[in-house]
Amino acid sequence: MISLGLIGHPVAHSLSPKLHLFFMQQLGLAGTYTAWDTPTELLEKQLKSLWNQGLEGLNITVPHKASVLAHVTSQSSVVACVGAANTLLRADDGWHAENTDITGFWASLPPATRQAVMGGSVWILGAGGSAKAVVASLCHYHVGHITVISRSHDKAQPLIDWITATAKGVSTHWHPWGTQPTAQPPVLIINATSIDLSNGNDTNDFDWLWQTKDFTHTTAMDLMYRLNRPTTFVASVQHAGCLNALDGLGMLVHQGADAFTLWTGNPVTADLRQSAYSHLLPL
């Protein structure tokens, strides 16, 4: 019997337990998957406790994707490069860190968007651990330019520096939150902030983004998701006339499937991923 779980703050909204229990059921595996709401000050204690209890794997979500690395005993080369993890595997002497957000993000994009991103321009909102994994994925697939939009230039600078140092051929710059960039609309806009967890559904948070340009041909993706109504960002996208608006449910399925394979050794096929996506949708 395998014991898995999720650490983050908050986690009550998460569909990860439903997703991974579905994978277990479909693959004939017995196990549990529990979500633990863990404030930052309790992160180290929680990780030690769950390792001592014999847990075999953990997902890590906001706000711990970067800070968790201070409490692991080993990490993959991808995690070392990105500086963020969303998956922990039990090791003999502690936790080993992996990152499946990178592959999960790319797999969740429509094929036409993937093609357009190669050499194209992308705007990303936020500069935290989720943003860095997405940026790493974009750089791997040869995005042309990345505009990082955030409230704090100082907090965004490490991400800018990382792109400059590691992504050959990718240009980048920072733009302040609250004013629309002067450049032409990008092929892809990604919301990597957690605004939806704190601000309800106030689309005013993003009105400034859509003020003067035509985003008809832009794909807009929120890394967050909701089932009963659009996320704050997706609602603002739809109001602005974007024809291709995505939430983070597809990314959840793909990164979760990749993590599940790391934990169990069981491949999660494309058909099973699609079935899982349908399983998570409200009836």
Protein backbone atom coordinates (compact mmCIF):
# COMPACT_ATOMS: atom_id res chain seq x y z
CA MET A 1 0.00 0.00 0.00
CA ILE A 2 1.44 3.35 -1.05
CA SER A 3 1.07 6.52 1.05
CA LEU A 4 1.21 9.84 -0.79
CA GLY A 5 0.17 13.40 -0.10
CA LEU A 6 0.25 17.13 -0.74
CA ILE A 7 1.76 20.00 1.25
CA GLY A 8 0.81 23.62 0.64
CA HIS A 9 -1.10 26.56 2.09
CA PRO A 10 -4.00 26.58 1.40
CA VAL A 11 -4.89 23.12 0.06
CA ALA A 12 -8.64 22.76 0.69
CA HIS A 13 -9.36 23.62 -2.96
CA SER A 14 -6.92 21.04 -4.36
CA LEU A 15 -8.04 18.25 -6.67
CA SER A 16 -4.76 16.36 -6.25
CA PRO A 17 -6.26 13.78 -3.84
CA LYS A 18 -9.08 13.02 -6.28
CA LEU A 19 -6.62 12.82 -9.17
CA HIS A 20 -4.14 10.45 -7.56
CA LEU A 21 -6.78 8.21 -6.02
CA PHE A 22 -8.24 7.88 -9.52
CA PHE A 23 -4.83 6.86 -10.89
CA MET A 24 -4.52 4.26 -8.11
CA GLN A 25 -7.97 2.87 -8.82
CA GLN A 26 -7.43 2.62 -12.55
CA LEU A 27 -4.02 0.98 -12.17
CA GLY A 28 -5.11 -1.45 -9.46
CA LEU A 29 -2.96 0.02 -6.71
CA ALA A 30 -3.95 0.29 -3.05
CA GLY A 31 -3.00 3.52 -1.34
CA THR A 32 -3.85 6.83 0.26
CA TYR A 33 -3.36 10.46 -0.74
CA THR A 34 -3.86 13.19 1.87
CA ALA A 35 -3.64 16.97 1.64
CA TRP A 36 -1.95 18.74 4.58
CA ASP A 37 -2.48 22.48 4.97
CA THR A 38 0.99 23.60 6.07
CA PRO A 39 1.90 27.23 6.82
CA THR A 40 5.48 28.24 6.09
CA GLU A 41 6.56 28.16 9.72
CA LEU A 42 5.51 24.50 10.01
CA LEU A 43 7.01 23.25 6.74
CA GLU A 44 10.20 21.70 8.16
CA LYS A 45 8.34 20.02 11.02
CA GLN A 46 5.69 18.62 8.66
CA LEU A 47 8.25 17.20 6.24
CA LYS A 48 10.13 15.47 9.04
CA SER A 49 6.93 14.10 10.52
CA LEU A 50 5.67 12.67 7.23
CA TRP A 51 9.04 11.10 6.45
CA ASN A 52 9.06 9.49 9.91
CA GLN A 53 5.53 8.19 9.25
CA GLY A 54 6.81 6.37 6.16
CA LEU A 55 5.21 8.44 3.38
CA GLU A 56 6.61 7.52 -0.02
CA GLY A 57 5.88 10.69 -1.96
CA LEU A 58 4.63 14.25 -1.72
CA ASN A 59 3.42 16.96 -4.04
CA ILE A 60 4.50 20.47 -3.09
CA THR A 61 2.37 23.46 -4.01
CA VAL A 62 2.29 27.20 -3.24
CA PRO A 63 3.92 28.77 -1.34
CA HIS A 64 6.60 26.11 -0.73
CA LYS A 65 8.01 25.20 -4.17
CA ALA A 66 11.26 27.10 -3.64
CA SER A 67 11.57 27.05 0.15
CA VAL A 68 11.15 23.27 0.34
CA LEU A 69 14.64 22.85 -1.14
CA ALA A 70 16.15 23.86 2.20
CA HIS A 71 14.68 20.67 3.68
CA VAL A 72 15.62 17.98 1.13
CA THR A 73 18.70 15.76 1.10
CA SER A 74 19.00 15.47 -2.69
CA GLN A 75 17.55 16.95 -5.85
CA SER A 76 17.49 16.28 -9.58
CA SER A 77 19.59 18.32 -11.99
CA VAL A 78 16.38 19.95 -13.22
CA VAL A 79 15.46 21.10 -9.71
CA ALA A 80 19.01 22.35 -9.14
CA CYS A 81 18.77 24.38 -12.34
CA VAL A 82 15.28 25.76 -11.72
CA GLY A 83 15.47 26.25 -7.97
CA ALA A 84 11.98 24.91 -7.34
CA ALA A 85 10.33 21.52 -6.77
CA ASN A 86 6.77 20.25 -6.87
CA THR A 87 7.45 16.56 -6.17
CA LEU A 88 9.30 14.78 -3.35
CA LEU A 89 10.29 11.11 -3.31
CA ARG A 90 11.26 9.23 -0.20
CA ALA A 91 15.00 8.50 0.04
CA ASP A 92 16.96 6.55 2.64
CA ASP A 93 18.08 9.67 4.47
CA GLY A 94 15.28 12.17 3.73
CA TRP A 95 13.44 13.63 0.75
CA HIS A 96 14.60 13.75 -2.88
CA ALA A 97 13.23 16.68 -4.92
CA GLU A 98 11.94 16.55 -8.51
CA ASN A 99 10.02 18.97 -10.73
CA THR A 100 7.23 17.74 -13.00
CA ASP A 101 5.73 21.20 -13.51
CA ILE A 102 8.11 21.69 -16.43
CA THR A 103 6.87 18.72 -18.45
CA GLY A 104 3.31 19.10 -17.17
CA PHE A 105 3.05 22.70 -18.33
CA TRP A 106 4.27 21.99 -21.85
CA ALA A 107 2.02 18.94 -22.25
CA SER A 108 -1.01 21.03 -21.27
CA LEU A 109 -0.56 23.59 -24.06
CA PRO A 110 -2.51 23.15 -27.31
CA PRO A 111 -0.24 21.93 -30.16
CA ALA A 112 -0.71 25.16 -32.14
CA THR A 113 0.35 27.22 -29.13
CA ARG A 114 3.45 25.08 -28.61
CA GLN A 115 4.43 25.72 -32.22
CA ALA A 116 3.82 29.48 -31.92
CA VAL A 117 5.82 29.74 -28.69
CA MET A 118 8.99 28.55 -30.43
CA GLY A 119 10.65 31.84 -31.33
CA GLY A 120 7.63 33.81 -30.15
CA SER A 121 6.96 36.24 -27.32
CA VAL A 122 5.46 35.29 -23.93
CA TRP A 123 4.30 37.41 -21.01
CA ILE A 124 4.39 35.79 -17.59
CA LEU A 125 2.66 37.27 -14.54
CA GLY A 126 4.58 36.54 -11.35
CA ALA A 127 8.15 35.57 -10.56
CA GLY A 128 7.89 32.83 -7.92
CA GLY A 129 8.55 29.09 -7.98
CA SER A 130 5.68 28.29 -10.33
CA ALA A 131 6.81 31.00 -12.75
CA LYS A 132 10.36 29.67 -12.81
CA ALA A 133 9.28 26.14 -13.72
CA VAL A 134 7.15 27.49 -16.56
CA VAL A 135 9.99 29.73 -17.75
CA ALA A 136 12.35 26.73 -17.72
CA SER A 137 9.91 24.82 -19.89
CA LEU A 138 9.55 27.74 -22.33
CA CYS A 139 13.31 28.20 -22.58
CA HIS A 140 13.83 24.49 -23.21
CA TYR A 141 11.49 24.76 -26.19
CA HIS A 142 13.20 27.89 -27.58
CA VAL A 143 10.82 30.72 -26.78
CA GLY A 144 12.03 33.97 -28.31
CA HIS A 145 11.31 36.58 -25.64
CA ILE A 146 9.91 36.53 -22.11
CA THR A 147 8.42 39.57 -20.40
CA VAL A 148 8.23 39.08 -16.63
CA ILE A 149 5.44 41.19 -15.13
CA SER A 150 5.46 41.53 -11.35
CA ARG A 151 5.05 44.02 -8.53
CA SER A 152 8.64 43.88 -7.34
CA HIS A 153 11.63 44.32 -9.63
CA ASP A 154 13.96 43.10 -6.87
CA LYS A 155 12.02 39.84 -6.49
CA ALA A 156 11.87 39.35 -10.26
CA GLN A 157 15.57 40.03 -10.84
CA PRO A 158 16.75 36.51 -9.89
CA LEU A 159 14.40 35.08 -12.53
CA ILE A 160 15.62 37.60 -15.12
CA ASP A 161 19.23 36.76 -14.24
CA TRP A 162 18.52 33.03 -14.48
CA ILE A 163 17.04 33.39 -17.98
CA THR A 164 19.98 35.52 -19.11
CA ALA A 165 22.54 33.08 -17.73
CA THR A 166 21.02 29.75 -18.77
CA ALA A 167 18.77 30.29 -21.81
CA LYS A 168 20.84 31.01 -24.89
CA GLY A 169 18.96 32.91 -27.57
CA VAL A 170 16.14 33.98 -25.22
CA SER A 171 15.80 37.70 -24.52
CA THR A 172 13.95 38.96 -21.46
CA HIS A 173 12.98 42.05 -19.51
CA TRP A 174 10.91 43.07 -16.49
CA HIS A 175 7.72 45.13 -16.65
CA PRO A 176 5.90 46.62 -13.64
CA TRP A 177 2.56 45.19 -12.55
CA GLY A 178 -0.45 47.39 -13.29
CA THR A 179 0.54 48.86 -16.66
CA GLN A 180 0.20 47.20 -20.03
CA PRO A 181 3.47 46.47 -21.87
CA THR A 182 3.96 48.55 -25.00
CA ALA A 183 5.00 45.56 -27.13
CA GLN A 184 2.59 43.81 -29.47
CA PRO A 185 0.39 41.10 -27.91
CA PRO A 186 2.35 37.90 -27.28
CA VAL A 187 1.46 34.42 -28.47
CA LEU A 188 1.00 33.33 -24.83
CA ILE A 189 0.21 35.00 -21.50
CA ILE A 190 0.59 32.95 -18.31
CA ASN A 191 -0.74 33.84 -14.88
CA ALA A 192 1.70 32.31 -12.39
CA THR A 193 0.42 34.30 -9.40
CA SER A 194 -1.85 32.98 -6.64
CA ILE A 195 -4.23 35.96 -6.79
CA ASP A 196 -7.21 33.64 -7.21
CA LEU A 197 -6.59 32.10 -3.78
CA SER A 198 -6.83 35.44 -1.99
CA ASN A 199 -8.92 37.84 -4.05
CA GLY A 200 -11.95 35.78 -4.98
CA ASN A 201 -13.17 36.60 -8.47
CA ASP A 202 -12.40 40.32 -8.87
CA THR A 203 -11.42 40.66 -12.52
CA ASN A 204 -10.26 44.24 -11.77
CA ASP A 205 -7.00 42.63 -10.70
CA PHE A 206 -6.20 42.15 -14.40
CA ASP A 207 -8.19 44.85 -16.22
CA TRP A 208 -5.01 46.87 -16.87
CA LEU A 209 -3.58 44.00 -18.89
CA TRP A 210 -6.20 44.12 -21.64
CA GLN A 211 -6.85 47.86 -22.01
CA THR A 212 -5.74 48.84 -25.52
CA LYS A 213 -4.62 45.85 -27.57
CA ASP A 214 -6.29 43.09 -29.54
CA PHE A 215 -5.60 39.72 -27.88
CA THR A 216 -7.81 37.68 -30.20
CA HIS A 217 -4.92 35.50 -31.31
CA THR A 218 -3.24 35.18 -27.91
CA THR A 219 -3.51 32.06 -25.77
CA ALA A 220 -3.96 32.95 -22.09
CA MET A 221 -3.34 30.34 -19.41
CA ASP A 222 -3.88 30.44 -15.66
CA LEU A 223 -1.82 27.97 -13.61
CA MET A 224 -4.68 28.02 -11.08
CA TYR A 225 -8.00 26.24 -11.64
CA ARG A 226 -11.57 26.23 -10.41
CA LEU A 227 -14.39 23.84 -11.25
CA ASN A 228 -17.60 25.74 -10.60
CA ARG A 229 -16.63 29.03 -12.23
CA PRO A 230 -13.68 30.53 -14.10
CA THR A 231 -10.66 31.70 -12.18
CA THR A 232 -10.18 35.43 -11.75
CA PHE A 233 -7.66 35.50 -14.57
CA VAL A 234 -9.69 33.35 -16.98
CA ALA A 235 -12.78 35.49 -16.34
CA SER A 236 -10.80 38.61 -17.22
CA VAL A 237 -9.41 36.89 -20.33
CA GLN A 238 -12.87 35.98 -21.54
CA HIS A 239 -14.12 39.51 -20.89
CA ALA A 240 -11.22 40.88 -22.97
CA GLY A 241 -12.14 38.72 -25.96
CA CYS A 242 -9.31 36.20 -25.88
CA LEU A 243 -10.52 33.20 -27.87
CA ASN A 244 -8.21 30.65 -26.26
CA ALA A 245 -8.35 30.76 -22.46
CA LEU A 246 -7.07 27.85 -20.37
CA ASP A 247 -6.99 27.20 -16.66
CA GLY A 248 -4.49 24.98 -14.84
CA LEU A 249 -6.55 21.76 -14.74
CA GLY A 250 -4.72 20.23 -17.70
CA MET A 251 -1.36 21.08 -16.16
CA LEU A 252 -2.51 19.55 -12.87
CA VAL A 253 -3.28 16.27 -14.62
CA HIS A 254 -0.03 16.13 -16.59
CA GLN A 255 2.32 17.12 -13.77
CA GLY A 256 0.42 14.80 -11.43
CA ALA A 257 0.70 11.91 -13.87
CA ASP A 258 4.44 12.44 -14.22
CA ALA A 259 4.82 12.57 -10.43
CA PHE A 260 2.73 9.43 -10.02
CA THR A 261 5.04 7.58 -12.40
CA LEU A 262 8.08 8.72 -10.40
CA TRP A 263 6.52 7.43 -7.17
CA THR A 264 5.14 4.13 -8.41
CA GLY A 265 7.00 3.22 -11.60
CA ASN A 266 3.64 2.92 -13.38
CA PRO A 267 3.38 4.89 -16.66
CA VAL A 268 0.24 7.01 -16.98
CA THR A 269 -0.87 6.75 -20.59
CA ALA A 270 -2.40 9.54 -22.67
CA ASP A 271 -5.77 7.80 -22.51
CA LEU A 272 -5.62 7.56 -18.71
CA ARG A 273 -4.65 11.22 -18.47
CA GLN A 274 -7.66 12.18 -20.58
CA SER A 275 -9.91 9.99 -18.45
CA ALA A 276 -8.53 11.65 -15.32
CA TYR A 277 -9.23 15.11 -16.76
CA SER A 278 -12.85 14.12 -17.44
CA HIS A 279 -13.11 12.57 -13.97
CA LEU A 280 -12.13 15.86 -12.35
CA LEU A 281 -14.70 17.95 -14.22
CA PRO A 282 -18.03 18.62 -12.44
CA LEU A 283 -20.98 16.58 -13.62
